[in-house]
Protein backbone atom coordinates (compact mmCIF):
# COMPACT_ATOMS: atom_id res chain seq x y z
CA MET A 1 42.29 -61.88 -63.53
CA LYS A 2 38.99 -60.47 -62.22
CA ALA A 3 40.73 -59.22 -59.09
CA LEU A 4 43.40 -57.48 -61.14
CA LYS A 5 40.74 -55.88 -63.35
CA PHE A 6 38.82 -54.80 -60.23
CA ILE A 7 41.92 -53.14 -58.73
CA LYS A 8 42.96 -51.58 -62.05
CA GLY A 9 39.54 -49.99 -62.53
CA LYS A 10 39.41 -48.49 -59.05
CA LEU A 11 42.98 -47.21 -59.09
CA GLY A 12 42.51 -45.90 -62.62
CA TYR A 13 39.43 -44.01 -61.54
CA GLY A 14 41.14 -42.64 -58.42
CA VAL A 15 44.16 -41.40 -60.37
CA GLY A 16 41.92 -38.96 -62.20
CA ALA A 17 41.33 -37.06 -58.94
CA ILE A 18 45.06 -36.34 -58.60
CA GLY A 19 45.11 -34.36 -61.84
CA LEU A 20 41.92 -32.47 -61.02
CA ASP A 21 43.19 -31.49 -57.58
CA LEU A 22 46.59 -30.43 -58.87
CA SER A 23 44.83 -27.83 -61.00
CA TYR A 24 42.36 -27.04 -58.21
CA GLY A 25 45.13 -26.60 -55.63
CA MET A 26 47.24 -24.43 -57.93
CA PHE A 27 44.25 -22.19 -58.56
CA TYR A 28 43.01 -21.75 -55.00
CA SER A 29 46.32 -21.79 -53.10
CA PHE A 30 48.64 -19.80 -55.37
CA LEU A 31 46.66 -17.73 -57.87
CA ALA A 32 45.88 -14.87 -55.46
CA LYS A 33 49.54 -14.20 -54.75
CA TYR A 34 50.44 -14.44 -58.43
CA LEU A 35 47.77 -11.87 -59.31
CA THR A 36 48.78 -9.40 -56.59
CA ASP A 37 52.58 -9.86 -56.62
CA VAL A 38 53.45 -10.67 -60.24
CA LEU A 39 50.68 -8.94 -62.19
CA GLY A 40 50.19 -6.19 -59.61
CA LEU A 41 46.39 -6.26 -59.75
CA LYS A 42 44.47 -4.21 -57.19
CA SER A 43 42.59 -5.94 -54.37
CA SER A 44 39.38 -4.04 -55.19
CA PHE A 45 39.32 -5.47 -58.72
CA LEU A 46 39.95 -9.01 -57.47
CA ILE A 47 37.14 -8.78 -54.92
CA VAL A 48 34.66 -7.86 -57.66
CA LEU A 49 36.03 -10.50 -60.05
CA THR A 50 35.78 -13.40 -57.59
CA ALA A 51 32.26 -12.44 -56.51
CA LEU A 52 30.96 -12.23 -60.10
CA ALA A 53 32.70 -15.48 -61.07
CA ARG A 54 31.09 -17.35 -58.19
CA ILE A 55 27.64 -16.05 -59.08
CA TRP A 56 28.13 -17.44 -62.59
CA ASP A 57 29.30 -20.76 -61.07
CA GLY A 58 26.00 -20.98 -59.23
CA ILE A 59 24.25 -21.03 -62.60
CA ASN A 60 26.88 -22.96 -64.54
CA ASP A 61 27.29 -25.93 -62.16
CA PRO A 62 23.71 -27.28 -62.12
CA MET A 63 23.41 -26.50 -65.83
CA MET A 64 26.51 -28.61 -66.54
CA GLY A 65 25.11 -31.44 -64.45
CA THR A 66 21.97 -31.54 -66.59
CA ILE A 67 24.01 -31.44 -69.83
CA VAL A 68 26.08 -34.42 -68.65
CA ASP A 69 22.94 -36.37 -67.72
CA ASN A 70 21.60 -35.88 -71.25
CA THR A 71 24.83 -36.90 -73.04
CA HIS A 72 24.80 -40.15 -75.07
CA THR A 73 28.01 -41.35 -76.78
CA LYS A 74 29.81 -44.65 -77.37
CA MET A 75 32.13 -43.73 -74.49
CA GLY A 76 29.19 -43.10 -72.21
CA LYS A 77 28.09 -39.77 -70.83
CA TYR A 78 30.82 -39.02 -68.28
CA ARG A 79 34.19 -39.94 -69.78
CA PRO A 80 33.99 -37.69 -72.87
CA TRP A 81 33.40 -34.65 -70.64
CA ILE A 82 36.19 -35.62 -68.23
CA LEU A 83 38.69 -35.80 -71.07
CA THR A 84 37.44 -32.65 -72.80
CA GLY A 85 37.29 -30.70 -69.57
CA ALA A 86 40.76 -31.84 -68.47
CA PHE A 87 42.43 -30.77 -71.73
CA LEU A 88 40.66 -27.39 -71.76
CA ASN A 89 41.28 -26.77 -68.06
CA ALA A 90 44.97 -27.59 -68.47
CA PHE A 91 45.43 -25.04 -71.25
CA VAL A 92 43.42 -22.39 -69.40
CA LEU A 93 45.52 -22.97 -66.26
CA ILE A 94 48.70 -22.23 -68.21
CA PHE A 95 47.27 -19.04 -69.71
CA LEU A 96 45.93 -17.99 -66.30
CA PHE A 97 49.44 -18.12 -64.83
CA SER A 98 51.04 -16.25 -67.72
CA ASN A 99 50.87 -12.95 -69.57
CA PRO A 100 51.76 -13.99 -73.14
CA PHE A 101 50.66 -10.71 -74.69
CA HIS A 102 52.52 -8.51 -72.14
CA LEU A 103 49.34 -6.67 -71.26
CA SER A 104 48.97 -4.00 -68.60
CA GLY A 105 46.31 -1.68 -67.22
CA VAL A 106 42.77 -2.42 -68.41
CA GLY A 107 44.10 -5.02 -70.85
CA ILE A 108 45.51 -7.31 -68.17
CA MET A 109 42.35 -6.91 -66.07
CA ILE A 110 40.18 -8.10 -68.97
CA TYR A 111 42.61 -10.94 -69.73
CA VAL A 112 42.61 -12.16 -66.12
CA ALA A 113 38.81 -11.86 -65.86
CA VAL A 114 38.29 -13.98 -68.98
CA THR A 115 40.83 -16.69 -68.04
CA TYR A 116 39.59 -16.72 -64.42
CA VAL A 117 36.00 -17.42 -65.48
CA LEU A 118 37.12 -19.91 -68.14
CA TRP A 119 39.12 -21.84 -65.54
CA GLY A 120 35.99 -22.24 -63.41
CA MET A 121 33.91 -23.35 -66.39
CA THR A 122 36.47 -25.87 -67.70
CA ASN A 123 37.06 -27.21 -64.20
CA THR A 124 33.30 -27.78 -63.86
CA LEU A 125 33.35 -29.48 -67.27
CA ALA A 126 35.64 -32.21 -65.87
CA ASP A 127 34.86 -32.16 -62.15
CA ILE A 128 31.08 -32.72 -62.17
CA PRO A 129 31.14 -35.76 -64.52
CA TYR A 130 34.13 -37.21 -62.63
CA TRP A 131 32.40 -37.25 -59.25
CA SER A 132 29.05 -38.23 -60.81
CA MET A 133 30.53 -41.31 -62.53
CA VAL A 134 30.62 -43.64 -59.46
CA PRO A 135 27.05 -45.02 -59.91
CA SER A 136 27.84 -45.95 -63.52
CA PHE A 137 30.45 -48.51 -62.40
CA THR A 138 28.36 -50.69 -60.11
CA SER A 139 25.06 -50.93 -58.25
CA ASP A 140 26.72 -52.55 -55.21
CA PRO A 141 26.67 -50.02 -52.31
CA GLU A 142 29.87 -51.43 -50.81
CA GLU A 143 31.76 -51.16 -54.09
CA ARG A 144 30.47 -47.61 -54.51
CA ASN A 145 31.77 -46.72 -51.06
CA ILE A 146 35.16 -48.18 -51.95
CA LEU A 147 35.27 -46.21 -55.21
CA ALA A 148 34.31 -42.98 -53.46
CA THR A 149 36.90 -43.56 -50.73
CA VAL A 150 39.62 -44.30 -53.29
CA ALA A 151 38.75 -41.15 -55.22
CA ARG A 152 38.73 -38.98 -52.06
CA THR A 153 42.08 -40.44 -51.01
CA PHE A 154 43.66 -39.64 -54.39
CA SER A 155 42.00 -36.22 -54.27
CA GLY A 156 43.73 -35.52 -50.95
CA LEU A 157 46.98 -36.79 -52.45
CA GLY A 158 46.68 -34.31 -55.31
CA GLN A 159 46.04 -31.44 -52.90
CA GLY A 160 48.98 -32.52 -50.77
CA ILE A 161 51.34 -32.75 -53.73
CA VAL A 162 50.62 -29.23 -54.96
CA THR A 163 50.53 -27.47 -51.57
CA ILE A 164 53.70 -29.20 -50.35
CA GLY A 165 55.62 -29.45 -53.63
CA ALA A 166 54.74 -26.18 -55.39
CA PRO A 167 56.62 -23.85 -52.98
CA LEU A 168 59.75 -26.00 -53.29
CA LEU A 169 59.54 -26.24 -57.08
CA MET A 170 58.86 -22.52 -57.55
CA THR A 171 61.76 -21.56 -55.27
CA ALA A 172 64.08 -23.94 -57.14
CA VAL A 173 63.31 -22.47 -60.59
CA SER A 174 62.86 -18.82 -59.55
CA GLN A 175 65.42 -16.29 -60.78
CA LYS A 176 64.36 -13.46 -58.45
CA THR A 177 65.88 -12.50 -55.09
CA VAL A 178 65.20 -9.63 -52.68
CA ILE A 179 67.30 -8.25 -49.83
CA ASP A 180 65.74 -8.46 -46.36
CA GLU A 181 66.05 -5.00 -44.80
CA VAL A 182 66.40 -6.44 -41.30
CA THR A 183 68.91 -9.27 -41.82
CA GLY A 184 70.53 -8.05 -45.04
CA GLU A 185 70.22 -11.54 -46.49
CA ALA A 186 69.29 -12.28 -50.10
CA ILE A 187 65.99 -14.19 -50.15
CA LYS A 188 64.78 -16.14 -53.16
CA VAL A 189 61.12 -15.32 -53.96
CA HIS A 190 58.68 -16.65 -56.53
CA ASP A 191 58.67 -14.86 -59.88
CA ALA A 192 56.51 -15.05 -63.00
CA ARG A 193 58.67 -17.81 -64.46
CA SER A 194 58.33 -20.01 -61.37
CA TYR A 195 54.52 -19.75 -61.30
CA LEU A 196 54.32 -20.57 -65.03
CA ILE A 197 56.59 -23.61 -64.76
CA CYS A 198 54.57 -24.95 -61.84
CA ALA A 199 51.31 -24.38 -63.74
CA ILE A 200 52.71 -26.23 -66.79
CA VAL A 201 53.70 -29.21 -64.61
CA CYS A 202 50.22 -29.30 -63.02
CA ALA A 203 48.57 -28.98 -66.44
CA ALA A 204 50.62 -31.84 -67.90
CA CYS A 205 49.76 -34.06 -64.92
CA LEU A 206 46.08 -33.15 -65.27
CA ILE A 207 46.04 -34.33 -68.89
CA LEU A 208 48.07 -37.46 -68.09
CA PHE A 209 46.05 -38.62 -65.08
CA SER A 210 42.70 -37.81 -66.68
CA SER A 211 43.68 -39.80 -69.77
CA ILE A 212 44.64 -42.76 -67.55
CA CYS A 213 41.31 -42.46 -65.76
CA VAL A 214 39.27 -42.41 -68.97
CA GLY A 215 41.32 -45.17 -70.59
CA SER A 216 41.19 -47.59 -67.66
CA THR A 217 37.51 -47.25 -66.71
CA LYS A 218 34.25 -48.22 -68.36
CA GLU A 219 30.72 -47.08 -67.66
CA LYS A 220 28.81 -50.34 -67.13
CA ILE A 221 25.46 -49.00 -65.97
CA LEU A 222 23.99 -46.60 -68.50
CA THR A 223 21.13 -44.33 -67.48
CA GLN A 224 19.19 -41.82 -69.51
CA SER A 225 17.66 -38.57 -68.36
CA THR A 226 15.19 -36.25 -69.98
CA GLU A 227 15.29 -33.70 -67.16
CA LYS A 228 15.66 -30.14 -68.40
CA PHE A 229 17.69 -27.58 -66.54
CA SER A 230 15.55 -25.03 -64.73
CA LEU A 231 17.23 -22.31 -62.72
CA LYS A 232 13.82 -21.25 -61.41
CA LYS A 233 13.10 -24.76 -60.12
CA THR A 234 16.49 -24.92 -58.41
CA PHE A 235 15.94 -21.64 -56.59
CA GLN A 236 12.42 -22.67 -55.57
CA ILE A 237 13.64 -25.93 -54.01
CA VAL A 238 16.51 -24.25 -52.18
CA LYS A 239 14.33 -21.39 -50.95
CA SER A 240 11.62 -23.75 -49.67
CA ASN A 241 14.02 -25.94 -47.67
CA ASP A 242 14.87 -23.77 -44.65
CA GLN A 243 17.29 -26.32 -43.21
CA LEU A 244 19.23 -26.40 -46.48
CA LEU A 245 19.60 -22.62 -46.26
CA VAL A 246 20.78 -22.87 -42.63
CA PHE A 247 23.23 -25.60 -43.65
CA MET A 248 24.63 -23.53 -46.50
CA LEU A 249 25.14 -20.58 -44.14
CA PHE A 250 26.98 -22.31 -41.31
CA ALA A 251 28.94 -24.57 -43.68
CA MET A 252 29.97 -21.63 -45.88
CA ILE A 253 31.27 -19.66 -42.87
CA SER A 254 33.26 -22.54 -41.37
CA ASN A 255 34.64 -23.62 -44.77
CA ALA A 256 35.73 -20.03 -45.47
CA GLY A 257 37.84 -20.14 -42.31
CA TRP A 258 39.68 -23.20 -43.55
CA TYR A 259 40.11 -21.84 -47.07
CA LEU A 260 41.42 -18.56 -45.65
CA THR A 261 44.35 -20.38 -44.08
CA SER A 262 45.14 -22.14 -47.37
CA GLY A 263 45.00 -18.90 -49.37
CA VAL A 264 46.95 -16.75 -46.90
CA ALA A 265 49.69 -19.31 -46.13
CA THR A 266 51.71 -18.40 -49.23
CA TYR A 267 51.65 -14.73 -48.17
CA TYR A 268 52.55 -15.58 -44.56
CA PHE A 269 55.67 -17.59 -45.31
CA ASP A 270 56.91 -15.10 -47.90
CA VAL A 271 56.11 -11.85 -46.06
CA VAL A 272 56.12 -12.71 -42.34
CA VAL A 273 58.48 -15.71 -42.12
CA GLY A 274 60.64 -14.66 -45.07
CA ASP A 275 61.11 -18.20 -46.37
CA PRO A 276 58.52 -19.57 -48.87
CA ASN A 277 60.01 -23.07 -48.58
CA LYS A 278 58.78 -23.41 -44.99
CA GLN A 279 55.21 -23.45 -46.27
CA SER A 280 55.83 -27.05 -47.37
CA MET A 281 56.19 -28.29 -43.77
CA PHE A 282 53.09 -26.32 -42.79
CA SER A 283 51.13 -27.99 -45.61
CA THR A 284 52.49 -31.38 -44.56
CA SER A 285 50.97 -30.81 -41.11
CA SER A 286 47.63 -30.14 -42.79
CA ALA A 287 47.88 -33.35 -44.82
CA ILE A 288 48.67 -35.43 -41.72
CA GLY A 289 45.78 -33.92 -39.79
CA SER A 290 43.37 -34.44 -42.67
CA VAL A 291 44.19 -38.16 -42.88
CA VAL A 292 43.73 -38.64 -39.13
CA GLY A 293 40.54 -36.56 -39.22
CA LEU A 294 38.92 -39.06 -41.59
CA LEU A 295 38.83 -41.50 -38.65
CA LEU A 296 37.62 -39.03 -36.02
CA LEU A 297 33.91 -38.73 -36.84
CA PRO A 298 33.19 -42.50 -36.77
CA ILE A 299 34.85 -42.65 -33.35
CA LEU A 300 32.95 -39.64 -32.00
CA THR A 301 29.57 -40.92 -33.22
CA LYS A 302 30.07 -44.12 -31.20
CA TYR A 303 29.85 -42.08 -28.02
CA MET A 304 27.65 -39.13 -28.94
CA SER A 305 25.02 -37.89 -31.39
CA LYS A 306 25.88 -36.52 -34.84
CA ARG A 307 25.04 -33.04 -33.56
CA LYS A 308 27.47 -33.24 -30.63
CA ALA A 309 30.10 -34.88 -32.83
CA TYR A 310 29.92 -31.95 -35.25
CA GLN A 311 30.15 -29.48 -32.39
CA ALA A 312 33.16 -31.38 -31.05
CA SER A 313 34.82 -31.32 -34.49
CA LEU A 314 34.51 -27.54 -34.72
CA GLY A 315 35.72 -27.23 -31.14
CA ILE A 316 38.83 -29.30 -31.93
CA ALA A 317 39.49 -27.16 -35.01
CA ALA A 318 39.15 -23.93 -33.01
CA ALA A 319 41.44 -25.28 -30.27
CA GLY A 320 44.08 -26.16 -32.86
CA TYR A 321 43.92 -22.64 -34.26
CA VAL A 322 44.32 -21.10 -30.79
CA GLY A 323 47.56 -23.06 -30.49
CA MET A 324 48.57 -21.91 -33.98
CA ALA A 325 47.97 -18.30 -32.95
CA ILE A 326 50.20 -18.73 -29.89
CA GLY A 327 52.91 -20.23 -32.10
CA ALA A 328 52.60 -17.43 -34.67
CA LEU A 329 52.66 -14.61 -32.10
CA THR A 330 55.72 -16.10 -30.35
CA GLY A 331 57.54 -16.95 -33.59
CA GLN A 332 57.49 -20.71 -32.92
CA LEU A 333 56.91 -22.40 -36.27
CA MET A 334 57.16 -25.87 -34.73
CA VAL A 335 54.27 -25.06 -32.37
CA MET A 336 52.27 -23.74 -35.34
CA ASN A 337 52.85 -26.90 -37.36
CA ILE A 338 51.93 -29.25 -34.50
CA CYS A 339 48.77 -27.32 -33.67
CA TYR A 340 47.86 -27.18 -37.36
CA ILE A 341 47.67 -30.98 -37.27
CA VAL A 342 45.05 -30.67 -34.50
CA GLY A 343 43.13 -28.01 -36.42
CA ALA A 344 43.16 -30.09 -39.62
CA ILE A 345 41.86 -33.14 -37.72
CA GLY A 346 38.81 -31.18 -36.60
CA ILE A 347 38.26 -29.71 -40.06
CA ALA A 348 38.41 -33.09 -41.82
CA SER A 349 35.84 -34.49 -39.38
CA MET A 350 33.71 -31.38 -39.94
CA PHE A 351 33.68 -31.91 -43.72
CA ILE A 352 32.55 -35.53 -43.39
CA ALA A 353 29.79 -34.54 -40.96
CA GLN A 354 28.53 -31.91 -43.40
CA THR A 355 28.12 -34.59 -46.07
CA VAL A 356 26.11 -36.71 -43.63
CA PHE A 357 23.85 -33.75 -42.80
CA LEU A 358 22.99 -33.35 -46.49
CA ALA A 359 21.34 -36.79 -46.47
CA ASP A 360 19.16 -35.69 -43.53
CA ILE A 361 18.31 -32.46 -45.38
CA VAL A 362 17.12 -34.49 -48.40
CA ASP A 363 14.78 -36.48 -46.13
CA TYR A 364 13.50 -33.29 -44.51
CA GLY A 365 12.90 -31.75 -47.92
CA GLU A 366 10.92 -34.78 -49.04
CA ILE A 367 8.53 -34.41 -46.11
CA LYS A 368 8.23 -30.64 -46.43
CA LEU A 369 8.05 -30.36 -50.24
CA GLY A 370 6.40 -33.68 -51.04
CA PHE A 371 9.19 -34.96 -53.31
CA ARG A 372 12.88 -35.82 -53.10
CA ALA A 373 15.41 -33.42 -54.65
CA GLU A 374 18.68 -35.27 -54.09
CA SER A 375 20.62 -33.97 -57.10
CA ILE A 376 19.77 -30.33 -56.48
CA THR A 377 20.41 -30.63 -52.73
CA PHE A 378 23.80 -32.30 -53.14
CA SER A 379 24.80 -29.86 -55.92
CA MET A 380 24.49 -27.09 -53.33
CA LYS A 381 27.53 -28.51 -51.53
CA GLY A 382 29.76 -27.56 -54.45
CA PHE A 383 28.10 -24.18 -54.74
CA LEU A 384 28.51 -23.36 -51.04
CA GLN A 385 32.19 -24.31 -51.28
CA LYS A 386 32.62 -21.77 -54.06
CA MET A 387 30.73 -19.18 -52.03
CA ALA A 388 33.05 -19.97 -49.11
CA TYR A 389 36.00 -19.22 -51.40
CA THR A 390 34.30 -15.96 -52.31
CA LEU A 391 33.99 -15.01 -48.64
CA GLN A 392 37.63 -15.99 -48.17
CA THR A 393 38.85 -13.85 -51.05
CA VAL A 394 36.79 -10.85 -49.96
CA ILE A 395 38.31 -11.02 -46.47
CA MET A 396 41.80 -11.62 -47.85
CA PHE A 397 41.92 -8.97 -50.57
CA ALA A 398 40.14 -6.38 -48.44
CA SER A 399 42.64 -6.91 -45.61
CA LEU A 400 45.62 -6.77 -47.96
CA GLY A 401 44.35 -3.54 -49.50
CA ILE A 402 43.59 -1.83 -46.18
CA SER A 403 46.85 -2.90 -44.54
CA GLY A 404 49.04 -1.40 -47.28
CA TYR A 405 50.42 -4.68 -48.60
CA ASP A 406 52.83 -4.30 -51.51
CA GLY A 407 53.60 -7.39 -53.59
CA ASN A 408 56.99 -5.98 -54.61
CA LEU A 409 58.28 -5.71 -51.03
CA HIS A 410 57.90 -9.33 -49.87
CA SER A 411 59.43 -9.58 -46.36
CA ASN A 412 60.06 -5.80 -46.37
CA ASN A 413 56.32 -5.06 -46.21
CA PRO A 414 55.13 -2.71 -43.44
CA GLN A 415 54.35 -4.24 -40.05
CA GLY A 416 50.65 -3.50 -40.54
CA ALA A 417 50.56 -5.79 -43.57
CA LYS A 418 52.40 -8.53 -41.67
CA ASN A 419 49.96 -8.24 -38.77
CA ALA A 420 46.98 -8.44 -41.13
CA ILE A 421 48.36 -11.54 -42.84
CA THR A 422 49.04 -13.23 -39.49
CA ALA A 423 45.53 -12.41 -38.26
CA MET A 424 43.96 -13.87 -41.40
CA LEU A 425 46.01 -17.04 -41.03
CA VAL A 426 45.38 -17.93 -37.38
CA ILE A 427 42.91 -15.51 -35.75
CA VAL A 428 40.06 -14.89 -38.20
CA PRO A 429 39.46 -18.63 -38.98
CA PRO A 430 38.63 -19.69 -35.38
CA VAL A 431 36.34 -16.67 -35.08
CA LEU A 432 34.51 -17.93 -38.18
CA PHE A 433 34.37 -21.42 -36.66
CA VAL A 434 32.71 -20.05 -33.52
CA ILE A 435 30.17 -18.04 -35.55
CA SER A 436 29.39 -21.16 -37.60
CA LEU A 437 29.01 -23.21 -34.42
CA ILE A 438 26.54 -20.71 -32.96
CA ILE A 439 24.40 -20.74 -36.13
CA PHE A 440 24.48 -24.54 -36.25
CA THR A 441 23.57 -24.92 -32.57
CA THR A 442 20.71 -22.40 -32.61
CA LYS A 443 19.22 -22.83 -36.10
CA PHE A 444 19.87 -26.38 -37.36
CA LYS A 445 17.02 -28.53 -36.02
CA LEU A 446 17.56 -31.86 -37.80
CA HIS A 447 18.50 -33.83 -34.70
CA GLY A 448 16.94 -35.71 -31.79
CA SER A 449 13.24 -36.61 -31.76
CA PHE A 450 12.46 -34.19 -34.60
CA MET A 451 14.84 -35.97 -36.99
CA ASP A 452 13.68 -39.37 -35.75
CA ASP A 453 10.12 -38.40 -36.71
CA ILE A 454 11.28 -37.24 -40.16
CA THR A 455 13.05 -40.57 -40.68
CA ARG A 456 9.93 -42.54 -39.70
CA GLN A 457 7.81 -40.54 -42.15
CA VAL A 458 10.32 -41.07 -44.99
CA ILE A 459 10.39 -44.82 -44.34
CA ALA A 460 6.58 -44.92 -44.28
CA LEU A 461 6.39 -43.07 -47.61
CA ARG A 462 8.95 -45.41 -49.15
CA GLU A 463 7.06 -48.49 -47.98
CA ALA A 464 3.80 -47.02 -49.29
CA ARG A 465 5.35 -46.44 -52.73
CA GLU A 466 6.73 -49.98 -52.80
CA GLN A 467 3.35 -51.42 -51.83
CA ALA A 468 1.62 -49.34 -54.49
CA ALA A 469 4.10 -50.61 -57.09
CA GLU A 470 3.41 -54.22 -56.06
CA ASP A 471 -0.36 -53.71 -56.20
CA SER A 472 -0.17 -52.18 -59.67
CA ALA A 473 2.01 -55.06 -60.86
CA GLU A 474 -0.63 -57.54 -59.74
């Protein structure tokens, strides 16, 4: 019975990640094309909107973390926010992918701006407490690792479902076709109705899976916090930790390269390939590579340092993208898909390594600042991811605007637009990887004898604190 309860709790917790990532994937992979093609919004407006929204996220995320820490209810402090955030995020997602008031001009711009920001806030409302809930289940480090692995696995499953399934679903329910000027064939493209139906499905699954998560889990270890949110304190800690700033820079640039591929793929298969359904196979390649990539870093670190393993991961990713570029320029989709597996392997290993580096940055900060700032340091990972999306959207919308892209033309867009989309998919990302690699290699110093010395100092401080605690107890 205990074993069944143990499995039920972990699977129930993991299921919650599927719903969150269905909404997350719908937002980041398909919203841009909906806004440009269906609503006809200008790229210049979207660049400003995404930048302002991310700045607000930088304030909202740590503030939400503090609010959660100071929540006390019969359900605990995490589960009420997960449920509330999931319901609100589901409804906002539906409104974001619809125009119920048939607005246009300034009206639709205001509507999109409000729903865009609200999506980010409601997503934070559920996402931060979800990922913060692991320590409330158990104090056993091994069980915590299992819980985190289960959640990350289900998270990847959610991303895979939406990126692979959404193009197929939207094509199946779409009522819009266009005539290809070259072949004369009628091509089914995604319309407003197809985006809305897909958003409704994702929203329903978000509510369902979050409810299962909340209903099948229980917070066993209750902690209380009296820490008050201080934006000034957050900025002071980040500013004082030079290696955290370096990390945020090289991680943001490399992550933006990966996100650019995800965001541009829907444009590429509609405009360049002329068949949105073929995006599903491309996304499947990414999912396969990501699973294999989870095993790469542990293997690499058996034979080389963390620093060299990270460099190797970025090198593998860049090599995969070179192959993708060859496939794209020669019109060989099979070559693109195979090489995308290689690129995704390197990227998955890169993401894991970045998480490991954060632990070293916390230790470095303790020695430099005189105190540990784990929560603030790790919260920067979410913030840099959002800044990476901002960099991605700036590159994407600027390129679409300059190249003359027209959302009404689909595969009949001018060759300049097709070339720009292809470049953003397979050429710009490896360039960003190389820039990130250069910054990492020349500026990130937490490795070798320097990091060994930091580790020794941290251990000495910990032992001193423990000894002081024992002496005071006596």
